[in-house]
Amino acid sequence: GLVQAGGSLRLSCAASGSIGSIKPMAWYRRTPGKQRELVAAISSGGY
């Protein structure tokens, strides 16, 4: 969404389907003219 500088947001990511065991997941972001960059990642073990 839209927020002013200094504010907060919470993103959620829901996975569904044939997932099986716990999988590593991550957040990336992309701005126009730039490559997609890793923001944060979490392993299946929570690292």
ModelCIF file with pLDDT and N, C-alpha, C, O atoms, coordinates in Angstrom:
data_MODEL
#
_entry.id   MODEL 
#
_entity.id                         1 
_entity.type                       polymer 
_entity.pdbx_number_of_molecules   1 
#
_entity_poly.entity_id                      1 
_entity_poly.type                           'polypeptide(L)' 
_entity_poly.nstd_linkage                   no 
_entity_poly.nstd_monomer                   no 
_entity_poly.pdbx_seq_one_letter_code       GLVQAGGSLRLSCAASGSIGSIKPMAWYRRTPGKQRELVAAISSGGY 
_entity_poly.pdbx_seq_one_letter_code_can   GLVQAGGSLRLSCAASGSIGSIKPMAWYRRTPGKQRELVAAISSGGY 
_entity_poly.pdbx_strand_id                 A 
#
loop_
_entity_poly_seq.entity_id 
_entity_poly_seq.num 
_entity_poly_seq.mon_id 
_entity_poly_seq.hetero 
1 1  GLY n 
1 2  LEU n 
1 3  VAL n 
1 4  GLN n 
1 5  ALA n 
1 6  GLY n 
1 7  GLY n 
1 8  SER n 
1 9  LEU n 
1 10 ARG n 
1 11 LEU n 
1 12 SER n 
1 13 CYS n 
1 14 ALA n 
1 15 ALA n 
1 16 SER n 
1 17 GLY n 
1 18 SER n 
1 19 ILE n 
1 20 GLY n 
1 21 SER n 
1 22 ILE n 
1 23 LYS n 
1 24 PRO n 
1 25 MET n 
1 26 ALA n 
1 27 TRP n 
1 28 TYR n 
1 29 ARG n 
1 30 ARG n 
1 31 THR n 
1 32 PRO n 
1 33 GLY n 
1 34 LYS n 
1 35 GLN n 
1 36 ARG n 
1 37 GLU n 
1 38 LEU n 
1 39 VAL n 
1 40 ALA n 
1 41 ALA n 
1 42 ILE n 
1 43 SER n 
1 44 SER n 
1 45 GLY n 
1 46 GLY n 
1 47 TYR n 
#
_struct_asym.id          A 
_struct_asym.entity_id   1 
#
loop_
_ma_qa_metric.id 
_ma_qa_metric.mode 
_ma_qa_metric.name 
_ma_qa_metric.software_group_id 
_ma_qa_metric.type 
1 global pLDDT . pLDDT 
2 local  pLDDT . pLDDT 
#
_ma_qa_metric_global.metric_id      1 
_ma_qa_metric_global.metric_value   94.32 
_ma_qa_metric_global.model_id       1 
_ma_qa_metric_global.ordinal_id     1 
#
loop_
_ma_qa_metric_local.label_asym_id 
_ma_qa_metric_local.label_comp_id 
_ma_qa_metric_local.label_seq_id 
_ma_qa_metric_local.metric_id 
_ma_qa_metric_local.metric_value 
_ma_qa_metric_local.model_id 
_ma_qa_metric_local.ordinal_id 
A GLY 1  2 97.00 1 1  
A LEU 2  2 98.00 1 2  
A VAL 3  2 98.00 1 3  
A GLN 4  2 98.00 1 4  
A ALA 5  2 98.00 1 5  
A GLY 6  2 98.00 1 6  
A GLY 7  2 98.00 1 7  
A SER 8  2 98.00 1 8  
A LEU 9  2 98.00 1 9  
A ARG 10 2 98.00 1 10 
A LEU 11 2 98.00 1 11 
A SER 12 2 98.00 1 12 
A CYS 13 2 97.00 1 13 
A ALA 14 2 96.00 1 14 
A ALA 15 2 95.00 1 15 
A SER 16 2 92.00 1 16 
A GLY 17 2 90.00 1 17 
A SER 18 2 85.00 1 18 
A ILE 19 2 83.00 1 19 
A GLY 20 2 82.00 1 20 
A SER 21 2 85.00 1 21 
A ILE 22 2 87.00 1 22 
A LYS 23 2 92.00 1 23 
A PRO 24 2 95.00 1 24 
A MET 25 2 97.00 1 25 
A ALA 26 2 98.00 1 26 
A TRP 27 2 98.00 1 27 
A TYR 28 2 98.00 1 28 
A ARG 29 2 98.00 1 29 
A ARG 30 2 97.00 1 30 
A THR 31 2 93.00 1 31 
A PRO 32 2 84.00 1 32 
A GLY 33 2 86.00 1 33 
A LYS 34 2 89.00 1 34 
A GLN 35 2 92.00 1 35 
A ARG 36 2 94.00 1 36 
A GLU 37 2 97.00 1 37 
A LEU 38 2 98.00 1 38 
A VAL 39 2 98.00 1 39 
A ALA 40 2 98.00 1 40 
A ALA 41 2 98.00 1 41 
A ILE 42 2 97.00 1 42 
A SER 43 2 95.00 1 43 
A SER 44 2 92.00 1 44 
A GLY 45 2 92.00 1 45 
A GLY 46 2 93.00 1 46 
A TYR 47 2 97.00 1 47 
#
loop_
_atom_site.group_PDB 
_atom_site.id 
_atom_site.type_symbol 
_atom_site.label_atom_id 
_atom_site.label_alt_id 
_atom_site.label_comp_id 
_atom_site.label_asym_id 
_atom_site.label_entity_id 
_atom_site.label_seq_id 
_atom_site.pdbx_PDB_ins_code 
_atom_site.Cartn_x 
_atom_site.Cartn_y 
_atom_site.Cartn_z 
_atom_site.occupancy 
_atom_site.B_iso_or_equiv 
_atom_site.pdbx_formal_charge 
_atom_site.auth_seq_id 
_atom_site.auth_comp_id 
_atom_site.auth_asym_id 
_atom_site.auth_atom_id 
_atom_site.pdbx_PDB_model_num 
ATOM 1   N N  . GLY A 1 1  ? 0.808  -1.200  0.000   1.00 97.00 ? 1  GLY A N  1 
ATOM 2   C CA . GLY A 1 1  ? 0.000  0.000   0.000   1.00 97.00 ? 1  GLY A CA 1 
ATOM 3   C C  . GLY A 1 1  ? 0.842  1.252   0.000   1.00 97.00 ? 1  GLY A C  1 
ATOM 4   O O  . GLY A 1 1  ? 2.045  1.214   -0.258  1.00 97.00 ? 1  GLY A O  1 
ATOM 5   N N  . LEU A 1 2  ? 0.197  2.355   0.292   1.00 98.00 ? 2  LEU A N  1 
ATOM 6   C CA . LEU A 1 2  ? 0.846  3.670   0.328   1.00 98.00 ? 2  LEU A CA 1 
ATOM 7   C C  . LEU A 1 2  ? 0.987  4.107   1.777   1.00 98.00 ? 2  LEU A C  1 
ATOM 8   O O  . LEU A 1 2  ? 0.028  4.056   2.547   1.00 98.00 ? 2  LEU A O  1 
ATOM 9   N N  . VAL A 1 3  ? 2.177  4.532   2.140   1.00 98.00 ? 3  VAL A N  1 
ATOM 10  C CA . VAL A 1 3  ? 2.433  4.956   3.511   1.00 98.00 ? 3  VAL A CA 1 
ATOM 11  C C  . VAL A 1 3  ? 3.418  6.116   3.489   1.00 98.00 ? 3  VAL A C  1 
ATOM 12  O O  . VAL A 1 3  ? 4.230  6.231   2.571   1.00 98.00 ? 3  VAL A O  1 
ATOM 13  N N  . GLN A 1 4  ? 3.347  6.957   4.481   1.00 98.00 ? 4  GLN A N  1 
ATOM 14  C CA . GLN A 1 4  ? 4.303  8.058   4.582   1.00 98.00 ? 4  GLN A CA 1 
ATOM 15  C C  . GLN A 1 4  ? 5.624  7.562   5.151   1.00 98.00 ? 4  GLN A C  1 
ATOM 16  O O  . GLN A 1 4  ? 5.678  6.554   5.856   1.00 98.00 ? 4  GLN A O  1 
ATOM 17  N N  . ALA A 1 5  ? 6.666  8.278   4.836   1.00 98.00 ? 5  ALA A N  1 
ATOM 18  C CA . ALA A 1 5  ? 7.985  7.942   5.380   1.00 98.00 ? 5  ALA A CA 1 
ATOM 19  C C  . ALA A 1 5  ? 7.923  7.893   6.900   1.00 98.00 ? 5  ALA A C  1 
ATOM 20  O O  . ALA A 1 5  ? 7.317  8.752   7.542   1.00 98.00 ? 5  ALA A O  1 
ATOM 21  N N  . GLY A 1 6  ? 8.556  6.880   7.458   1.00 98.00 ? 6  GLY A N  1 
ATOM 22  C CA . GLY A 1 6  ? 8.515  6.667   8.890   1.00 98.00 ? 6  GLY A CA 1 
ATOM 23  C C  . GLY A 1 6  ? 7.413  5.737   9.338   1.00 98.00 ? 6  GLY A C  1 
ATOM 24  O O  . GLY A 1 6  ? 7.391  5.300   10.489  1.00 98.00 ? 6  GLY A O  1 
ATOM 25  N N  . GLY A 1 7  ? 6.505  5.433   8.444   1.00 98.00 ? 7  GLY A N  1 
ATOM 26  C CA . GLY A 1 7  ? 5.386  4.578   8.774   1.00 98.00 ? 7  GLY A CA 1 
ATOM 27  C C  . GLY A 1 7  ? 5.719  3.099   8.665   1.00 98.00 ? 7  GLY A C  1 
ATOM 28  O O  . GLY A 1 7  ? 6.869  2.711   8.458   1.00 98.00 ? 7  GLY A O  1 
ATOM 29  N N  . SER A 1 8  ? 4.682  2.287   8.812   1.00 98.00 ? 8  SER A N  1 
ATOM 30  C CA . SER A 1 8  ? 4.854  0.833   8.824   1.00 98.00 ? 8  SER A CA 1 
ATOM 31  C C  . SER A 1 8  ? 3.828  0.144   7.948   1.00 98.00 ? 8  SER A C  1 
ATOM 32  O O  . SER A 1 8  ? 2.724  0.648   7.739   1.00 98.00 ? 8  SER A O  1 
ATOM 33  N N  . LEU A 1 9  ? 4.206  -0.999  7.449   1.00 98.00 ? 9  LEU A N  1 
ATOM 34  C CA . LEU A 1 9  ? 3.319  -1.902  6.738   1.00 98.00 ? 9  LEU A CA 1 
ATOM 35  C C  . LEU A 1 9  ? 3.706  -3.318  7.115   1.00 98.00 ? 9  LEU A C  1 
ATOM 36  O O  . LEU A 1 9  ? 4.830  -3.565  7.551   1.00 98.00 ? 9  LEU A O  1 
ATOM 37  N N  . ARG A 1 10 ? 2.779  -4.246  6.950   1.00 98.00 ? 10 ARG A N  1 
ATOM 38  C CA . ARG A 1 10 ? 3.112  -5.653  7.141   1.00 98.00 ? 10 ARG A CA 1 
ATOM 39  C C  . ARG A 1 10 ? 2.669  -6.430  5.911   1.00 98.00 ? 10 ARG A C  1 
ATOM 40  O O  . ARG A 1 10 ? 1.488  -6.457  5.561   1.00 98.00 ? 10 ARG A O  1 
ATOM 41  N N  . LEU A 1 11 ? 3.633  -7.056  5.268   1.00 98.00 ? 11 LEU A N  1 
ATOM 42  C CA . LEU A 1 11 ? 3.347  -7.902  4.126   1.00 98.00 ? 11 LEU A CA 1 
ATOM 43  C C  . LEU A 1 11 ? 3.128  -9.334  4.599   1.00 98.00 ? 11 LEU A C  1 
ATOM 44  O O  . LEU A 1 11 ? 3.729  -9.792  5.571   1.00 98.00 ? 11 LEU A O  1 
ATOM 45  N N  . SER A 1 12 ? 2.251  -10.020 3.882   1.00 98.00 ? 12 SER A N  1 
ATOM 46  C CA . SER A 1 12 ? 2.007  -11.438 4.138   1.00 98.00 ? 12 SER A CA 1 
ATOM 47  C C  . SER A 1 12 ? 2.166  -12.209 2.847   1.00 98.00 ? 12 SER A C  1 
ATOM 48  O O  . SER A 1 12 ? 1.907  -11.696 1.759   1.00 98.00 ? 12 SER A O  1 
ATOM 49  N N  . CYS A 1 13 ? 2.591  -13.435 2.985   1.00 97.00 ? 13 CYS A N  1 
ATOM 50  C CA . CYS A 1 13 ? 2.756  -14.311 1.832   1.00 97.00 ? 13 CYS A CA 1 
ATOM 51  C C  . CYS A 1 13 ? 2.215  -15.676 2.204   1.00 97.00 ? 13 CYS A C  1 
ATOM 52  O O  . CYS A 1 13 ? 2.757  -16.350 3.079   1.00 97.00 ? 13 CYS A O  1 
ATOM 53  N N  . ALA A 1 14 ? 1.150  -16.079 1.543   1.00 96.00 ? 14 ALA A N  1 
ATOM 54  C CA . ALA A 1 14 ? 0.522  -17.364 1.825   1.00 96.00 ? 14 ALA A CA 1 
ATOM 55  C C  . ALA A 1 14 ? 0.813  -18.339 0.702   1.00 96.00 ? 14 ALA A C  1 
ATOM 56  O O  . ALA A 1 14 ? 0.587  -18.044 -0.472  1.00 96.00 ? 14 ALA A O  1 
ATOM 57  N N  . ALA A 1 15 ? 1.310  -19.488 1.072   1.00 95.00 ? 15 ALA A N  1 
ATOM 58  C CA . ALA A 1 15 ? 1.590  -20.537 0.098   1.00 95.00 ? 15 ALA A CA 1 
ATOM 59  C C  . ALA A 1 15 ? 0.545  -21.638 0.239   1.00 95.00 ? 15 ALA A C  1 
ATOM 60  O O  . ALA A 1 15 ? 0.123  -21.972 1.346   1.00 95.00 ? 15 ALA A O  1 
ATOM 61  N N  . SER A 1 16 ? 0.139  -22.191 -0.889  1.00 92.00 ? 16 SER A N  1 
ATOM 62  C CA . SER A 1 16 ? -0.847 -23.263 -0.862  1.00 92.00 ? 16 SER A CA 1 
ATOM 63  C C  . SER A 1 16 ? -0.535 -24.263 -1.972  1.00 92.00 ? 16 SER A C  1 
ATOM 64  O O  . SER A 1 16 ? 0.274  -23.998 -2.861  1.00 92.00 ? 16 SER A O  1 
ATOM 65  N N  . GLY A 1 17 ? -1.189 -25.403 -1.898  1.00 90.00 ? 17 GLY A N  1 
ATOM 66  C CA . GLY A 1 17 ? -0.973 -26.433 -2.904  1.00 90.00 ? 17 GLY A CA 1 
ATOM 67  C C  . GLY A 1 17 ? -0.122 -27.561 -2.371  1.00 90.00 ? 17 GLY A C  1 
ATOM 68  O O  . GLY A 1 17 ? -0.095 -27.826 -1.169  1.00 90.00 ? 17 GLY A O  1 
ATOM 69  N N  . SER A 1 18 ? 0.572  -28.219 -3.276  1.00 85.00 ? 18 SER A N  1 
ATOM 70  C CA . SER A 1 18 ? 1.366  -29.408 -2.920  1.00 85.00 ? 18 SER A CA 1 
ATOM 71  C C  . SER A 1 18 ? 2.727  -28.993 -2.370  1.00 85.00 ? 18 SER A C  1 
ATOM 72  O O  . SER A 1 18 ? 3.753  -29.149 -3.032  1.00 85.00 ? 18 SER A O  1 
ATOM 73  N N  . ILE A 1 19 ? 2.718  -28.467 -1.161  1.00 83.00 ? 19 ILE A N  1 
ATOM 74  C CA . ILE A 1 19 ? 3.938  -27.917 -0.581  1.00 83.00 ? 19 ILE A CA 1 
ATOM 75  C C  . ILE A 1 19 ? 4.788  -28.992 0.079   1.00 83.00 ? 19 ILE A C  1 
ATOM 76  O O  . ILE A 1 19 ? 6.014  -28.959 -0.025  1.00 83.00 ? 19 ILE A O  1 
ATOM 77  N N  . GLY A 1 20 ? 4.173  -29.921 0.740   1.00 82.00 ? 20 GLY A N  1 
ATOM 78  C CA . GLY A 1 20 ? 4.927  -30.960 1.424   1.00 82.00 ? 20 GLY A CA 1 
ATOM 79  C C  . GLY A 1 20 ? 5.556  -30.414 2.685   1.00 82.00 ? 20 GLY A C  1 
ATOM 80  O O  . GLY A 1 20 ? 4.885  -29.772 3.493   1.00 82.00 ? 20 GLY A O  1 
ATOM 81  N N  . SER A 1 21 ? 6.833  -30.663 2.856   1.00 85.00 ? 21 SER A N  1 
ATOM 82  C CA . SER A 1 21 ? 7.522  -30.216 4.069   1.00 85.00 ? 21 SER A CA 1 
ATOM 83  C C  . SER A 1 21 ? 7.753  -28.711 4.028   1.00 85.00 ? 21 SER A C  1 
ATOM 84  O O  . SER A 1 21 ? 7.538  -28.069 2.999   1.00 85.00 ? 21 SER A O  1 
ATOM 85  N N  . ILE A 1 22 ? 8.189  -28.156 5.146   1.00 87.00 ? 22 ILE A N  1 
ATOM 86  C CA . ILE A 1 22 ? 8.432  -26.726 5.248   1.00 87.00 ? 22 ILE A CA 1 
ATOM 87  C C  . ILE A 1 22 ? 9.557  -26.326 4.294   1.00 87.00 ? 22 ILE A C  1 
ATOM 88  O O  . ILE A 1 22 ? 10.595 -26.984 4.231   1.00 87.00 ? 22 ILE A O  1 
ATOM 89  N N  . LYS A 1 23 ? 9.338  -25.251 3.563   1.00 92.00 ? 23 LYS A N  1 
ATOM 90  C CA . LYS A 1 23 ? 10.290 -24.815 2.545   1.00 92.00 ? 23 LYS A CA 1 
ATOM 91  C C  . LYS A 1 23 ? 10.874 -23.445 2.875   1.00 92.00 ? 23 LYS A C  1 
ATOM 92  O O  . LYS A 1 23 ? 10.236 -22.632 3.544   1.00 92.00 ? 23 LYS A O  1 
ATOM 93  N N  . PRO A 1 24 ? 12.087 -23.202 2.402   1.00 95.00 ? 24 PRO A N  1 
ATOM 94  C CA . PRO A 1 24 ? 12.641 -21.849 2.549   1.00 95.00 ? 24 PRO A CA 1 
ATOM 95  C C  . PRO A 1 24 ? 11.786 -20.853 1.771   1.00 95.00 ? 24 PRO A C  1 
ATOM 96  O O  . PRO A 1 24 ? 11.283 -21.156 0.689   1.00 95.00 ? 24 PRO A O  1 
ATOM 97  N N  . MET A 1 25 ? 11.633 -19.669 2.337   1.00 97.00 ? 25 MET A N  1 
ATOM 98  C CA . MET A 1 25 ? 10.877 -18.624 1.665   1.00 97.00 ? 25 MET A CA 1 
ATOM 99  C C  . MET A 1 25 ? 11.624 -17.307 1.809   1.00 97.00 ? 25 MET A C  1 
ATOM 100 O O  . MET A 1 25 ? 12.459 -17.137 2.697   1.00 97.00 ? 25 MET A O  1 
ATOM 101 N N  . ALA A 1 26 ? 11.305 -16.385 0.919   1.00 98.00 ? 26 ALA A N  1 
ATOM 102 C CA . ALA A 1 26 ? 12.039 -15.122 0.920   1.00 98.00 ? 26 ALA A CA 1 
ATOM 103 C C  . ALA A 1 26 ? 11.197 -14.019 0.315   1.00 98.00 ? 26 ALA A C  1 
ATOM 104 O O  . ALA A 1 26 ? 10.246 -14.261 -0.428  1.00 98.00 ? 26 ALA A O  1 
ATOM 105 N N  . TRP A 1 27 ? 11.579 -12.797 0.658   1.00 98.00 ? 27 TRP A N  1 
ATOM 106 C CA . TRP A 1 27 ? 10.989 -11.605 0.058   1.00 98.00 ? 27 TRP A CA 1 
ATOM 107 C C  . TRP A 1 27 ? 12.052 -10.918 -0.796  1.00 98.00 ? 27 TRP A C  1 
ATOM 108 O O  . TRP A 1 27 ? 13.200 -10.747 -0.385  1.00 98.00 ? 27 TRP A O  1 
ATOM 109 N N  . TYR A 1 28 ? 11.635 -10.535 -1.984  1.00 98.00 ? 28 TYR A N  1 
ATOM 110 C CA . TYR A 1 28 ? 12.469 -9.754  -2.885  1.00 98.00 ? 28 TYR A CA 1 
ATOM 111 C C  . TYR A 1 28 ? 11.708 -8.482  -3.241  1.00 98.00 ? 28 TYR A C  1 
ATOM 112 O O  . TYR A 1 28 ? 10.504 -8.373  -3.012  1.00 98.00 ? 28 TYR A O  1 
ATOM 113 N N  . ARG A 1 29 ? 12.430 -7.533  -3.801  1.00 98.00 ? 29 ARG A N  1 
ATOM 114 C CA . ARG A 1 29 ? 11.757 -6.339  -4.299  1.00 98.00 ? 29 ARG A CA 1 
ATOM 115 C C  . ARG A 1 29 ? 12.427 -5.869  -5.576  1.00 98.00 ? 29 ARG A C  1 
ATOM 116 O O  . ARG A 1 29 ? 13.603 -6.128  -5.828  1.00 98.00 ? 29 ARG A O  1 
ATOM 117 N N  . ARG A 1 30 ? 11.629 -5.163  -6.376  1.00 97.00 ? 30 ARG A N  1 
ATOM 118 C CA . ARG A 1 30 ? 12.127 -4.634  -7.636  1.00 97.00 ? 30 ARG A CA 1 
ATOM 119 C C  . ARG A 1 30 ? 11.596 -3.231  -7.837  1.00 97.00 ? 30 ARG A C  1 
ATOM 120 O O  . ARG A 1 30 ? 10.409 -2.956  -7.660  1.00 97.00 ? 30 ARG A O  1 
ATOM 121 N N  . THR A 1 31 ? 12.513 -2.349  -8.213  1.00 93.00 ? 31 THR A N  1 
ATOM 122 C CA . THR A 1 31 ? 12.127 -1.000  -8.602  1.00 93.00 ? 31 THR A CA 1 
ATOM 123 C C  . THR A 1 31 ? 12.427 -0.832  -10.084 1.00 93.00 ? 31 THR A C  1 
ATOM 124 O O  . THR A 1 31 ? 13.301 -1.521  -10.610 1.00 93.00 ? 31 THR A O  1 
ATOM 125 N N  . PRO A 1 32 ? 11.725 0.069   -10.774 1.00 84.00 ? 32 PRO A N  1 
ATOM 126 C CA . PRO A 1 32 ? 11.951 0.245   -12.221 1.00 84.00 ? 32 PRO A CA 1 
ATOM 127 C C  . PRO A 1 32 ? 13.420 0.525   -12.534 1.00 84.00 ? 32 PRO A C  1 
ATOM 128 O O  . PRO A 1 32 ? 14.055 1.372   -11.906 1.00 84.00 ? 32 PRO A O  1 
ATOM 129 N N  . GLY A 1 33 ? 13.928 -0.183  -13.487 1.00 86.00 ? 33 GLY A N  1 
ATOM 130 C CA . GLY A 1 33 ? 15.306 0.033   -13.915 1.00 86.00 ? 33 GLY A CA 1 
ATOM 131 C C  . GLY A 1 33 ? 16.339 -0.688  -13.085 1.00 86.00 ? 33 GLY A C  1 
ATOM 132 O O  . GLY A 1 33 ? 17.534 -0.587  -13.361 1.00 86.00 ? 33 GLY A O  1 
ATOM 133 N N  . LYS A 1 34 ? 15.904 -1.412  -12.074 1.00 89.00 ? 34 LYS A N  1 
ATOM 134 C CA . LYS A 1 34 ? 16.840 -2.134  -11.224 1.00 89.00 ? 34 LYS A CA 1 
ATOM 135 C C  . LYS A 1 34 ? 16.530 -3.614  -11.217 1.00 89.00 ? 34 LYS A C  1 
ATOM 136 O O  . LYS A 1 34 ? 15.416 -4.040  -11.522 1.00 89.00 ? 34 LYS A O  1 
ATOM 137 N N  . GLN A 1 35 ? 17.531 -4.378  -10.866 1.00 92.00 ? 35 GLN A N  1 
ATOM 138 C CA . GLN A 1 35 ? 17.315 -5.809  -10.741 1.00 92.00 ? 35 GLN A CA 1 
ATOM 139 C C  . GLN A 1 35 ? 16.560 -6.106  -9.451  1.00 92.00 ? 35 GLN A C  1 
ATOM 140 O O  . GLN A 1 35 ? 16.577 -5.334  -8.493  1.00 92.00 ? 35 GLN A O  1 
ATOM 141 N N  . ARG A 1 36 ? 15.906 -7.245  -9.471  1.00 94.00 ? 36 ARG A N  1 
ATOM 142 C CA . ARG A 1 36 ? 15.230 -7.686  -8.257  1.00 94.00 ? 36 ARG A CA 1 
ATOM 143 C C  . ARG A 1 36 ? 16.283 -7.988  -7.203  1.00 94.00 ? 36 ARG A C  1 
ATOM 144 O O  . ARG A 1 36 ? 17.295 -8.625  -7.497  1.00 94.00 ? 36 ARG A O  1 
ATOM 145 N N  . GLU A 1 37 ? 16.049 -7.533  -5.979  1.00 97.00 ? 37 GLU A N  1 
ATOM 146 C CA . GLU A 1 37 ? 17.026 -7.730  -4.911  1.00 97.00 ? 37 GLU A CA 1 
ATOM 147 C C  . GLU A 1 37 ? 16.383 -8.461  -3.737  1.00 97.00 ? 37 GLU A C  1 
ATOM 148 O O  . GLU A 1 37 ? 15.193 -8.318  -3.459  1.00 97.00 ? 37 GLU A O  1 
ATOM 149 N N  . LEU A 1 38 ? 17.209 -9.242  -3.068  1.00 98.00 ? 38 LEU A N  1 
ATOM 150 C CA . LEU A 1 38 ? 16.750 -9.950  -1.881  1.00 98.00 ? 38 LEU A CA 1 
ATOM 151 C C  . LEU A 1 38 ? 16.553 -8.965  -0.744  1.00 98.00 ? 38 LEU A C  1 
ATOM 152 O O  . LEU A 1 38 ? 17.420 -8.135  -0.472  1.00 98.00 ? 38 LEU A O  1 
ATOM 153 N N  . VAL A 1 39 ? 15.405 -9.061  -0.080  1.00 98.00 ? 39 VAL A N  1 
ATOM 154 C CA . VAL A 1 39 ? 15.124 -8.220  1.070   1.00 98.00 ? 39 VAL A CA 1 
ATOM 155 C C  . VAL A 1 39 ? 15.346 -9.008  2.358   1.00 98.00 ? 39 VAL A C  1 
ATOM 156 O O  . VAL A 1 39 ? 16.065 -8.565  3.253   1.00 98.00 ? 39 VAL A O  1 
ATOM 157 N N  . ALA A 1 40 ? 14.722 -10.178 2.439   1.00 98.00 ? 40 ALA A N  1 
ATOM 158 C CA . ALA A 1 40 ? 14.837 -11.001 3.637   1.00 98.00 ? 40 ALA A CA 1 
ATOM 159 C C  . ALA A 1 40 ? 14.504 -12.434 3.276   1.00 98.00 ? 40 ALA A C  1 
ATOM 160 O O  . ALA A 1 40 ? 13.710 -12.688 2.370   1.00 98.00 ? 40 ALA A O  1 
ATOM 161 N N  . ALA A 1 41 ? 15.108 -13.363 3.985   1.00 98.00 ? 41 ALA A N  1 
ATOM 162 C CA . ALA A 1 41 ? 14.865 -14.776 3.727   1.00 98.00 ? 41 ALA A CA 1 
ATOM 163 C C  . ALA A 1 41 ? 14.767 -15.521 5.047   1.00 98.00 ? 41 ALA A C  1 
ATOM 164 O O  . ALA A 1 41 ? 15.345 -15.120 6.057   1.00 98.00 ? 41 ALA A O  1 
ATOM 165 N N  . ILE A 1 42 ? 14.020 -16.614 5.010   1.00 97.00 ? 42 ILE A N  1 
ATOM 166 C CA . ILE A 1 42 ? 13.893 -17.452 6.200   1.00 97.00 ? 42 ILE A CA 1 
ATOM 167 C C  . ILE A 1 42 ? 13.965 -18.904 5.757   1.00 97.00 ? 42 ILE A C  1 
ATOM 168 O O  . ILE A 1 42 ? 13.274 -19.317 4.826   1.00 97.00 ? 42 ILE A O  1 
ATOM 169 N N  . SER A 1 43 ? 14.799 -19.663 6.426   1.00 95.00 ? 43 SER A N  1 
ATOM 170 C CA . SER A 1 43 ? 14.973 -21.059 6.056   1.00 95.00 ? 43 SER A CA 1 
ATOM 171 C C  . SER A 1 43 ? 13.857 -21.918 6.635   1.00 95.00 ? 43 SER A C  1 
ATOM 172 O O  . SER A 1 43 ? 13.022 -21.447 7.407   1.00 95.00 ? 43 SER A O  1 
ATOM 173 N N  . SER A 1 44 ? 13.863 -23.178 6.248   1.00 92.00 ? 44 SER A N  1 
ATOM 174 C CA . SER A 1 44 ? 12.861 -24.089 6.793   1.00 92.00 ? 44 SER A CA 1 
ATOM 175 C C  . SER A 1 44 ? 13.032 -24.235 8.303   1.00 92.00 ? 44 SER A C  1 
ATOM 176 O O  . SER A 1 44 ? 12.069 -24.540 9.007   1.00 92.00 ? 44 SER A O  1 
ATOM 177 N N  . GLY A 1 45 ? 14.231 -24.025 8.800   1.00 92.00 ? 45 GLY A N  1 
ATOM 178 C CA . GLY A 1 45 ? 14.496 -24.126 10.223  1.00 92.00 ? 45 GLY A CA 1 
ATOM 179 C C  . GLY A 1 45 ? 14.332 -22.824 10.981  1.00 92.00 ? 45 GLY A C  1 
ATOM 180 O O  . GLY A 1 45 ? 14.535 -22.771 12.194  1.00 92.00 ? 45 GLY A O  1 
ATOM 181 N N  . GLY A 1 46 ? 13.962 -21.765 10.258  1.00 93.00 ? 46 GLY A N  1 
ATOM 182 C CA . GLY A 1 46 ? 13.714 -20.483 10.911  1.00 93.00 ? 46 GLY A CA 1 
ATOM 183 C C  . GLY A 1 46 ? 14.889 -19.519 10.931  1.00 93.00 ? 46 GLY A C  1 
ATOM 184 O O  . GLY A 1 46 ? 14.789 -18.440 11.515  1.00 93.00 ? 46 GLY A O  1 
ATOM 185 N N  . TYR A 1 47 ? 16.004 -19.890 10.300  1.00 97.00 ? 47 TYR A N  1 
ATOM 186 C CA . TYR A 1 47 ? 17.137 -18.969 10.226  1.00 97.00 ? 47 TYR A CA 1 
ATOM 187 C C  . TYR A 1 47 ? 16.814 -17.855 9.233   1.00 97.00 ? 47 TYR A C  1 
ATOM 188 O O  . TYR A 1 47 ? 17.636 -16.965 9.015   1.00 97.00 ? 47 TYR A O  1 
#
